[in-house]
Amino acid sequence: MRAVGIMCGVTLLAAVHAGTAAADEATDPIGKGAETLPIFDAHIHYKPPAWGSYLPATVLDLMAKNGGAMGLVSSTPDQGTITLWKFAPKRIVPELRPYHGVYGSSNWTKSPEMADYLENRLDAYPHEGIGDFHVCSFDPEYEPLLRQVAAMAKKRNICIHIISGKDPLDLLYSFEPGLKII
């Protein structure tokens, strides 16, 4: 769970940094060491169009050249995430994105097999989060699947990485108050 702590720490650091910068624009909130502070990239996708041009070694080299020590990766399909994780398991934190096949950001909650897909992938690989996924507006028919996603995350002690408004977040917390949500 080292990576989960890093992810949550990065999120907290960003929030603290944003608040500090707004309070005093003239002060550098990180200090003089900012130039050498390693970066944890909390949002990387490795999709098929990139696979031929950017082999895993190239991706990791680009990360290193730009100060990226580690990265949270979720891809469509999940094979991109697993490919990078297998190449660099100490630098890539795998996260399971539900999008696959014909299911993407606008219809993943309508897949009758989505819960089984997520469970099978979570059982097969060491994903440390479920996401990123979109829930742009809440529809009551999403509730059973979102309840299952929350239970999976809670059971495995992993994060949920959601792109949404307040209502879906409130709903997820109502299912599992102790969820870790990015």
Protein backbone atom coordinates (compact mmCIF):
# COMPACT_ATOMS: atom_id res chain seq x y z
CA MET A 1 0.00 0.00 0.00
CA ARG A 2 3.07 2.26 -0.24
CA ALA A 3 1.81 3.62 -3.54
CA VAL A 4 -1.65 4.38 -2.12
CA GLY A 5 0.02 6.48 0.57
CA ILE A 6 2.03 8.26 -2.09
CA MET A 7 -1.11 8.89 -4.18
CA CYS A 8 -3.00 10.29 -1.22
CA GLY A 9 0.06 12.34 -0.23
CA VAL A 10 0.35 13.77 -3.73
CA THR A 11 -3.32 14.75 -3.67
CA LEU A 12 -2.87 16.38 -0.26
CA LEU A 13 0.32 18.14 -1.39
CA ALA A 14 -1.51 19.56 -4.41
CA ALA A 15 -4.37 20.81 -2.23
CA VAL A 16 -2.00 22.38 0.30
CA HIS A 17 0.07 23.90 -2.48
CA ALA A 18 -3.03 25.40 -4.14
CA GLY A 19 -4.22 26.89 -0.85
CA THR A 20 -0.82 28.28 0.03
CA ALA A 21 -0.30 29.79 -3.42
CA ALA A 22 -3.66 31.52 -3.23
CA ALA A 23 -2.89 32.91 0.22
CA ASP A 24 0.48 34.36 -0.69
CA GLU A 25 1.42 34.52 -4.38
CA ALA A 26 4.88 35.96 -3.59
CA THR A 27 6.03 32.94 -1.54
CA ASP A 28 7.22 29.69 -3.04
CA PRO A 29 5.33 27.12 -0.89
CA ILE A 30 7.68 24.23 -1.69
CA GLY A 31 10.96 26.01 -1.19
CA LYS A 32 14.23 25.95 -3.04
CA GLY A 33 14.20 22.16 -3.39
CA ALA A 34 11.27 22.26 -5.84
CA GLU A 35 13.63 21.88 -8.80
CA THR A 36 14.79 18.48 -7.54
CA LEU A 37 11.56 17.22 -5.99
CA PRO A 38 10.61 13.95 -7.76
CA ILE A 39 7.25 13.97 -9.46
CA PHE A 40 4.53 11.38 -8.92
CA ASP A 41 2.34 11.64 -12.01
CA ALA A 42 -1.13 10.72 -10.80
CA HIS A 43 -2.80 10.52 -14.21
CA ILE A 44 -1.20 8.49 -17.01
CA HIS A 45 -2.98 6.53 -19.74
CA TYR A 46 -1.14 4.09 -22.04
CA LYS A 47 -3.50 3.30 -24.91
CA PRO A 48 -3.03 1.25 -28.12
CA PRO A 49 -2.24 4.22 -30.42
CA ALA A 50 0.88 4.85 -28.32
CA TRP A 51 2.04 1.24 -27.99
CA GLY A 52 3.90 1.12 -31.33
CA SER A 53 5.59 4.52 -31.06
CA TYR A 54 6.24 4.58 -27.32
CA LEU A 55 7.53 1.26 -26.07
CA PRO A 56 7.63 0.86 -22.27
CA ALA A 57 11.33 1.77 -22.14
CA THR A 58 10.59 5.00 -24.01
CA VAL A 59 7.70 5.88 -21.69
CA LEU A 60 9.87 5.36 -18.60
CA ASP A 61 12.73 7.30 -20.17
CA LEU A 62 10.40 10.24 -20.90
CA MET A 63 9.12 10.13 -17.34
CA ALA A 64 12.68 10.20 -15.99
CA LYS A 65 13.75 13.04 -18.29
CA ASN A 66 10.85 15.10 -16.94
CA GLY A 67 11.46 14.32 -13.27
CA GLY A 68 8.83 11.59 -13.01
CA ALA A 69 9.80 9.12 -10.33
CA MET A 70 6.56 7.13 -10.38
CA GLY A 71 3.22 7.16 -12.13
CA LEU A 72 -0.35 6.10 -11.54
CA VAL A 73 -1.43 4.38 -14.76
CA SER A 74 -4.91 3.43 -15.95
CA SER A 75 -5.46 2.51 -19.57
CA THR A 76 -8.08 1.47 -22.06
CA PRO A 77 -7.71 -1.46 -22.35
CA ASP A 78 -6.11 -2.49 -19.06
CA GLN A 79 -3.37 -4.32 -20.97
CA GLY A 80 -1.54 -1.00 -21.43
CA THR A 81 -1.40 -0.54 -17.67
CA ILE A 82 -0.22 -4.11 -17.10
CA THR A 83 2.44 -3.80 -19.83
CA LEU A 84 3.99 -0.74 -18.15
CA TRP A 85 3.67 -2.24 -14.67
CA LYS A 86 5.41 -5.48 -15.74
CA PHE A 87 8.21 -3.44 -17.30
CA ALA A 88 8.74 -1.24 -14.22
CA PRO A 89 6.83 -2.57 -11.18
CA LYS A 90 8.62 -0.23 -8.75
CA ARG A 91 7.76 2.89 -10.77
CA ILE A 92 4.30 2.13 -12.15
CA VAL A 93 1.27 2.02 -9.84
CA PRO A 94 -1.45 0.12 -11.71
CA GLU A 95 -5.03 1.29 -11.49
CA LEU A 96 -7.97 -0.52 -13.10
CA ARG A 97 -9.99 1.54 -15.51
CA PRO A 98 -13.42 0.02 -16.24
CA TYR A 99 -13.36 1.06 -19.90
CA HIS A 100 -12.83 -1.82 -22.30
CA GLY A 101 -14.33 -3.20 -25.50
CA VAL A 102 -17.35 -1.09 -26.41
CA TYR A 103 -17.62 0.40 -22.91
CA GLY A 104 -16.17 3.87 -22.40
CA SER A 105 -16.76 6.98 -20.34
CA SER A 106 -20.37 7.46 -21.44
CA ASN A 107 -21.69 3.90 -21.05
CA TRP A 108 -19.47 1.81 -18.74
CA THR A 109 -22.15 1.83 -16.02
CA LYS A 110 -24.56 0.11 -18.44
CA SER A 111 -22.44 -3.02 -18.96
CA PRO A 112 -24.19 -6.05 -17.45
CA GLU A 113 -20.79 -7.75 -16.95
CA MET A 114 -18.88 -4.75 -15.54
CA ALA A 115 -18.73 -5.97 -11.93
CA ASP A 116 -17.42 -9.36 -13.05
CA TYR A 117 -14.85 -7.71 -15.33
CA LEU A 118 -13.58 -5.53 -12.49
CA GLU A 119 -13.46 -8.42 -9.99
CA ASN A 120 -11.59 -10.66 -12.44
CA ARG A 121 -8.99 -8.01 -13.30
CA LEU A 122 -8.53 -7.06 -9.64
CA ASP A 123 -7.99 -10.74 -8.80
CA ALA A 124 -5.51 -11.20 -11.65
CA TYR A 125 -3.29 -8.12 -11.17
CA PRO A 126 -2.12 -5.91 -8.30
CA HIS A 127 -4.18 -2.81 -9.12
CA GLU A 128 -4.00 -0.25 -6.34
CA GLY A 129 -7.08 1.64 -7.43
CA ILE A 130 -10.23 1.51 -9.54
CA GLY A 131 -10.36 4.34 -12.04
CA ASP A 132 -10.13 6.77 -13.43
CA PHE A 133 -13.73 6.67 -14.50
CA HIS A 134 -16.41 9.26 -15.21
CA VAL A 135 -19.77 9.70 -13.55
CA CYS A 136 -20.81 13.07 -14.93
CA SER A 137 -24.40 12.99 -13.74
CA PHE A 138 -26.08 10.56 -11.42
CA ASP A 139 -28.73 8.17 -12.67
CA PRO A 140 -30.37 5.93 -10.01
CA GLU A 141 -29.78 2.88 -12.22
CA TYR A 142 -26.00 3.35 -11.67
CA GLU A 143 -26.39 2.76 -7.94
CA PRO A 144 -26.03 -1.06 -7.86
CA LEU A 145 -22.79 -0.98 -9.86
CA LEU A 146 -21.36 1.98 -7.94
CA ARG A 147 -22.22 0.18 -4.70
CA GLN A 148 -20.28 -2.87 -5.97
CA VAL A 149 -17.31 -0.71 -7.03
CA ALA A 150 -17.23 0.89 -3.58
CA ALA A 151 -17.36 -2.53 -1.90
CA MET A 152 -14.52 -3.84 -4.11
CA ALA A 153 -12.34 -0.87 -3.24
CA LYS A 154 -13.11 -1.11 0.48
CA LYS A 155 -12.51 -4.89 0.58
CA ARG A 156 -9.11 -4.50 -1.11
CA ASN A 157 -8.18 -1.26 0.67
CA ILE A 158 -7.57 0.52 -2.64
CA CYS A 159 -8.53 3.97 -3.93
CA ILE A 160 -11.32 4.97 -6.26
CA HIS A 161 -10.26 7.52 -8.87
CA ILE A 162 -13.40 9.26 -10.11
CA ILE A 163 -14.08 12.23 -12.33
CA SER A 164 -17.44 13.58 -11.22
CA GLY A 165 -19.36 16.23 -9.43
CA LYS A 166 -20.30 16.24 -5.76
CA ASP A 167 -23.40 13.98 -5.91
CA PRO A 168 -21.61 10.79 -7.07
CA LEU A 169 -18.92 11.36 -4.43
CA ASP A 170 -21.52 11.75 -1.71
CA LEU A 171 -23.22 8.58 -2.91
CA LEU A 172 -19.97 6.56 -2.83
CA TYR A 173 -19.20 7.82 0.68
CA SER A 174 -22.73 6.91 1.77
CA PHE A 175 -22.06 3.30 0.71
CA GLU A 176 -18.60 3.09 2.30
CA PRO A 177 -17.74 6.07 4.55
CA GLY A 178 -14.06 5.05 4.80
CA LEU A 179 -13.39 5.02 1.06
CA LYS A 180 -10.21 6.55 -0.26
CA ILE A 181 -11.24 8.66 -3.24
CA ILE A 182 -9.01 10.58 -5.61
